[in-house]
Amino acid sequence: MNPDLSWVMDDVLEVRGARHAILVSADGLLMQRSRDILRDDAERNAAAMSSIQSLCRSVAPFVGAGKGVWKQTLIEFDGGWIFLIAGGSGSYLAVSAALDVDMEAMSMRMQKTASAMKSGLSATPRLNSGADA
């Protein structure tokens, strides 16, 4: 059973200038999409976002002496921006936005959402109790 993650898309699209949001698995599969992006477009972009994060992770050491750990990718186009961050265990959150988006607000909202996803989608280890302990 897949959990309903539509709240993720709704949350990040609250920032003025946000256009579309997708949640992508590490292997490039679409996990969730915002309502205004067609499924085919969302699936194509999910595959691309997975490739982009993989590329960014592979060049992270270029930052310096083994200290490069990928956190976020920001890509600028003539018509807007793409923000890409790790969304939780094996997932990535990507948002497209207009040129005039408040970049700080978008980045902070995505970080907050990703943090909520990490805690909301992770399971705490069970402790043995009773006769098994």
C-alpha atoms as a PDB file:
ATOM      1  CA  MET A   1       0.000   0.000   0.000  1.00  0.00           C
ATOM      2  CA  ASN A   2       1.380   3.426  -0.971  1.00  0.00           C
ATOM      3  CA  PRO A   3       0.804   6.193   1.557  1.00  0.00           C
ATOM      4  CA  ASP A   4      -1.092   9.294   0.421  1.00  0.00           C
ATOM      5  CA  LEU A   5       1.592  11.948   0.028  1.00  0.00           C
ATOM      6  CA  SER A   6      -0.575  14.604  -1.629  1.00  0.00           C
ATOM      7  CA  TRP A   7       0.005  16.839   1.408  1.00  0.00           C
ATOM      8  CA  VAL A   8       3.642  17.095   0.289  1.00  0.00           C
ATOM      9  CA  MET A   9       2.651  18.617  -3.027  1.00  0.00           C
ATOM     10  CA  ASP A  10       0.071  20.944  -1.467  1.00  0.00           C
ATOM     11  CA  ASP A  11       2.569  22.218   1.085  1.00  0.00           C
ATOM     12  CA  VAL A  12       5.336  23.220  -1.321  1.00  0.00           C
ATOM     13  CA  LEU A  13       2.933  24.796  -3.816  1.00  0.00           C
ATOM     14  CA  GLU A  14       1.902  27.343  -1.178  1.00  0.00           C
ATOM     15  CA  VAL A  15       4.959  29.453  -2.073  1.00  0.00           C
ATOM     16  CA  ARG A  16       4.100  32.229  -4.541  1.00  0.00           C
ATOM     17  CA  GLY A  17       5.523  31.338  -7.940  1.00  0.00           C
ATOM     18  CA  ALA A  18       5.584  27.568  -7.404  1.00  0.00           C
ATOM     19  CA  ARG A  19       4.211  25.761 -10.455  1.00  0.00           C
ATOM     20  CA  HIS A  20       4.527  21.995 -10.140  1.00  0.00           C
ATOM     21  CA  ALA A  21       5.846  19.501  -7.631  1.00  0.00           C
ATOM     22  CA  ILE A  22       6.775  15.866  -7.978  1.00  0.00           C
ATOM     23  CA  LEU A  23       8.026  13.279  -5.541  1.00  0.00           C
ATOM     24  CA  VAL A  24      10.454  10.868  -7.177  1.00  0.00           C
ATOM     25  CA  SER A  25      11.909   7.544  -6.081  1.00  0.00           C
ATOM     26  CA  ALA A  26      15.671   7.065  -6.262  1.00  0.00           C
ATOM     27  CA  ASP A  27      15.205   4.846  -9.304  1.00  0.00           C
ATOM     28  CA  GLY A  28      13.265   7.554 -11.156  1.00  0.00           C
ATOM     29  CA  LEU A  29       9.687   6.430 -10.627  1.00  0.00           C
ATOM     30  CA  LEU A  30       6.965   8.974  -9.972  1.00  0.00           C
ATOM     31  CA  MET A  31       5.638   8.632  -6.431  1.00  0.00           C
ATOM     32  CA  GLN A  32       3.334  11.665  -6.302  1.00  0.00           C
ATOM     33  CA  ARG A  33       2.543  14.723  -8.432  1.00  0.00           C
ATOM     34  CA  SER A  34       0.800  18.024  -7.993  1.00  0.00           C
ATOM     35  CA  ARG A  35      -2.605  18.343  -9.594  1.00  0.00           C
ATOM     36  CA  ASP A  36      -1.642  20.743 -12.406  1.00  0.00           C
ATOM     37  CA  ILE A  37       0.952  18.541 -14.108  1.00  0.00           C
ATOM     38  CA  LEU A  38      -0.101  15.765 -16.470  1.00  0.00           C
ATOM     39  CA  ARG A  39       0.902  12.258 -15.443  1.00  0.00           C
ATOM     40  CA  ASP A  40       3.028  11.676 -18.581  1.00  0.00           C
ATOM     41  CA  ASP A  41       4.897  14.948 -18.000  1.00  0.00           C
ATOM     42  CA  ALA A  42       5.365  14.128 -14.326  1.00  0.00           C
ATOM     43  CA  GLU A  43       6.738  10.660 -15.128  1.00  0.00           C
ATOM     44  CA  ARG A  44       9.187  12.027 -17.733  1.00  0.00           C
ATOM     45  CA  ASN A  45      10.385  14.681 -15.305  1.00  0.00           C
ATOM     46  CA  ALA A  46      10.666  12.142 -12.486  1.00  0.00           C
ATOM     47  CA  ALA A  47      13.146  10.122 -14.533  1.00  0.00           C
ATOM     48  CA  ALA A  48      15.098  13.280 -15.362  1.00  0.00           C
ATOM     49  CA  MET A  49      15.188  14.436 -11.711  1.00  0.00           C
ATOM     50  CA  SER A  50      16.540  11.059 -10.632  1.00  0.00           C
ATOM     51  CA  SER A  51      19.312  11.397 -13.206  1.00  0.00           C
ATOM     52  CA  ILE A  52      20.096  14.961 -12.119  1.00  0.00           C
ATOM     53  CA  GLN A  53      20.430  14.029  -8.445  1.00  0.00           C
ATOM     54  CA  SER A  54      22.646  11.094  -9.383  1.00  0.00           C
ATOM     55  CA  LEU A  55      24.887  13.347 -11.432  1.00  0.00           C
ATOM     56  CA  CYS A  56      25.066  15.913  -8.625  1.00  0.00           C
ATOM     57  CA  ARG A  57      25.958  13.256  -6.062  1.00  0.00           C
ATOM     58  CA  SER A  58      28.748  11.959  -8.290  1.00  0.00           C
ATOM     59  CA  VAL A  59      30.363  15.406  -8.622  1.00  0.00           C
ATOM     60  CA  ALA A  60      29.852  16.417  -4.981  1.00  0.00           C
ATOM     61  CA  PRO A  61      33.493  15.664  -4.058  1.00  0.00           C
ATOM     62  CA  PHE A  62      34.452  18.414  -6.532  1.00  0.00           C
ATOM     63  CA  VAL A  63      33.387  20.805  -3.744  1.00  0.00           C
ATOM     64  CA  GLY A  64      36.520  19.781  -1.876  1.00  0.00           C
ATOM     65  CA  ALA A  65      38.528  17.089  -0.116  1.00  0.00           C
ATOM     66  CA  GLY A  66      35.767  14.530   0.349  1.00  0.00           C
ATOM     67  CA  LYS A  67      33.510  17.024   2.134  1.00  0.00           C
ATOM     68  CA  GLY A  68      31.032  17.365  -0.705  1.00  0.00           C
ATOM     69  CA  VAL A  69      27.682  15.897   0.307  1.00  0.00           C
ATOM     70  CA  TRP A  70      24.806  16.737  -2.031  1.00  0.00           C
ATOM     71  CA  LYS A  71      21.963  18.627  -0.388  1.00  0.00           C
ATOM     72  CA  GLN A  72      20.116  20.608  -3.030  1.00  0.00           C
ATOM     73  CA  THR A  73      20.244  21.388  -6.723  1.00  0.00           C
ATOM     74  CA  LEU A  74      18.976  24.611  -8.224  1.00  0.00           C
ATOM     75  CA  ILE A  75      18.706  24.969 -11.996  1.00  0.00           C
ATOM     76  CA  GLU A  76      17.845  28.207 -13.779  1.00  0.00           C
ATOM     77  CA  PHE A  77      16.070  28.364 -17.131  1.00  0.00           C
ATOM     78  CA  ASP A  78      14.825  31.302 -19.216  1.00  0.00           C
ATOM     79  CA  GLY A  79      11.318  30.714 -17.853  1.00  0.00           C
ATOM     80  CA  GLY A  80      11.953  29.699 -14.273  1.00  0.00           C
ATOM     81  CA  TRP A  81      13.705  27.451 -11.770  1.00  0.00           C
ATOM     82  CA  ILE A  82      13.864  23.829 -10.696  1.00  0.00           C
ATOM     83  CA  PHE A  83      14.593  23.032  -7.051  1.00  0.00           C
ATOM     84  CA  LEU A  84      15.596  19.462  -6.182  1.00  0.00           C
ATOM     85  CA  ILE A  85      16.277  18.064  -2.693  1.00  0.00           C
ATOM     86  CA  ALA A  86      16.357  14.727  -0.907  1.00  0.00           C
ATOM     87  CA  GLY A  87      12.858  14.026   0.360  1.00  0.00           C
ATOM     88  CA  GLY A  88      13.337  11.059   2.629  1.00  0.00           C
ATOM     89  CA  SER A  89      14.684   7.572   2.447  1.00  0.00           C
ATOM     90  CA  GLY A  90      15.178   6.966  -1.280  1.00  0.00           C
ATOM     91  CA  SER A  91      13.034   9.845  -2.519  1.00  0.00           C
ATOM     92  CA  TYR A  92      13.543  13.311  -3.966  1.00  0.00           C
ATOM     93  CA  LEU A  93      11.298  16.329  -4.049  1.00  0.00           C
ATOM     94  CA  ALA A  94      11.382  18.496  -7.181  1.00  0.00           C
ATOM     95  CA  VAL A  95       9.551  21.776  -7.670  1.00  0.00           C
ATOM     96  CA  SER A  96       9.365  23.989 -10.730  1.00  0.00           C
ATOM     97  CA  ALA A  97       8.832  27.693 -10.137  1.00  0.00           C
ATOM     98  CA  ALA A  98       8.514  31.009 -11.948  1.00  0.00           C
ATOM     99  CA  LEU A  99      11.482  33.353 -12.323  1.00  0.00           C
ATOM    100  CA  ASP A 100      10.100  35.680  -9.640  1.00  0.00           C
ATOM    101  CA  VAL A 101       9.704  32.958  -6.988  1.00  0.00           C
ATOM    102  CA  ASP A 102      10.955  33.857  -3.538  1.00  0.00           C
ATOM    103  CA  MET A 103      13.933  31.513  -3.622  1.00  0.00           C
ATOM    104  CA  GLU A 104      14.584  31.651   0.100  1.00  0.00           C
ATOM    105  CA  ALA A 105      10.952  30.877   0.926  1.00  0.00           C
ATOM    106  CA  MET A 106      10.895  27.993  -1.560  1.00  0.00           C
ATOM    107  CA  SER A 107      14.125  26.492  -0.278  1.00  0.00           C
ATOM    108  CA  MET A 108      13.002  26.788   3.337  1.00  0.00           C
ATOM    109  CA  ARG A 109       9.554  25.315   2.578  1.00  0.00           C
ATOM    110  CA  MET A 110      11.119  22.382   0.765  1.00  0.00           C
ATOM    111  CA  GLN A 111      13.564  21.747   3.632  1.00  0.00           C
ATOM    112  CA  LYS A 112      10.693  21.848   6.145  1.00  0.00           C
ATOM    113  CA  THR A 113       8.588  19.517   4.010  1.00  0.00           C
ATOM    114  CA  ALA A 114      11.469  17.102   3.440  1.00  0.00           C
ATOM    115  CA  SER A 115      12.147  17.048   7.171  1.00  0.00           C
ATOM    116  CA  ALA A 116       8.499  16.254   7.878  1.00  0.00           C
ATOM    117  CA  MET A 117       8.587  13.516   5.256  1.00  0.00           C
ATOM    118  CA  LYS A 118      11.663  11.931   6.789  1.00  0.00           C
ATOM    119  CA  SER A 119      10.044  11.697  10.191  1.00  0.00           C
ATOM    120  CA  GLY A 120       6.574  10.897   8.864  1.00  0.00           C
ATOM    121  CA  LEU A 121       7.679   8.125   6.531  1.00  0.00           C
ATOM    122  CA  SER A 122      10.238   6.454   8.751  1.00  0.00           C
ATOM    123  CA  ALA A 123       9.428   3.715  11.189  1.00  0.00           C
ATOM    124  CA  THR A 124      11.006   3.596  14.593  1.00  0.00           C
ATOM    125  CA  PRO A 125      12.604   0.267  15.550  1.00  0.00           C
ATOM    126  CA  ARG A 126      10.437  -1.987  17.655  1.00  0.00           C
ATOM    127  CA  LEU A 127      11.804  -3.091  20.993  1.00  0.00           C
ATOM    128  CA  ASN A 128      11.285  -6.636  22.189  1.00  0.00           C
ATOM    129  CA  SER A 129       9.172  -6.901  25.300  1.00  0.00           C
ATOM    130  CA  GLY A 130       7.685  -9.642  27.341  1.00  0.00           C
ATOM    131  CA  ALA A 131       8.813 -13.243  26.849  1.00  0.00           C
ATOM    132  CA  ASP A 132      11.061 -12.399  23.894  1.00  0.00           C
ATOM    133  CA  ALA A 133      13.123  -9.835  25.823  1.00  0.00           C
END
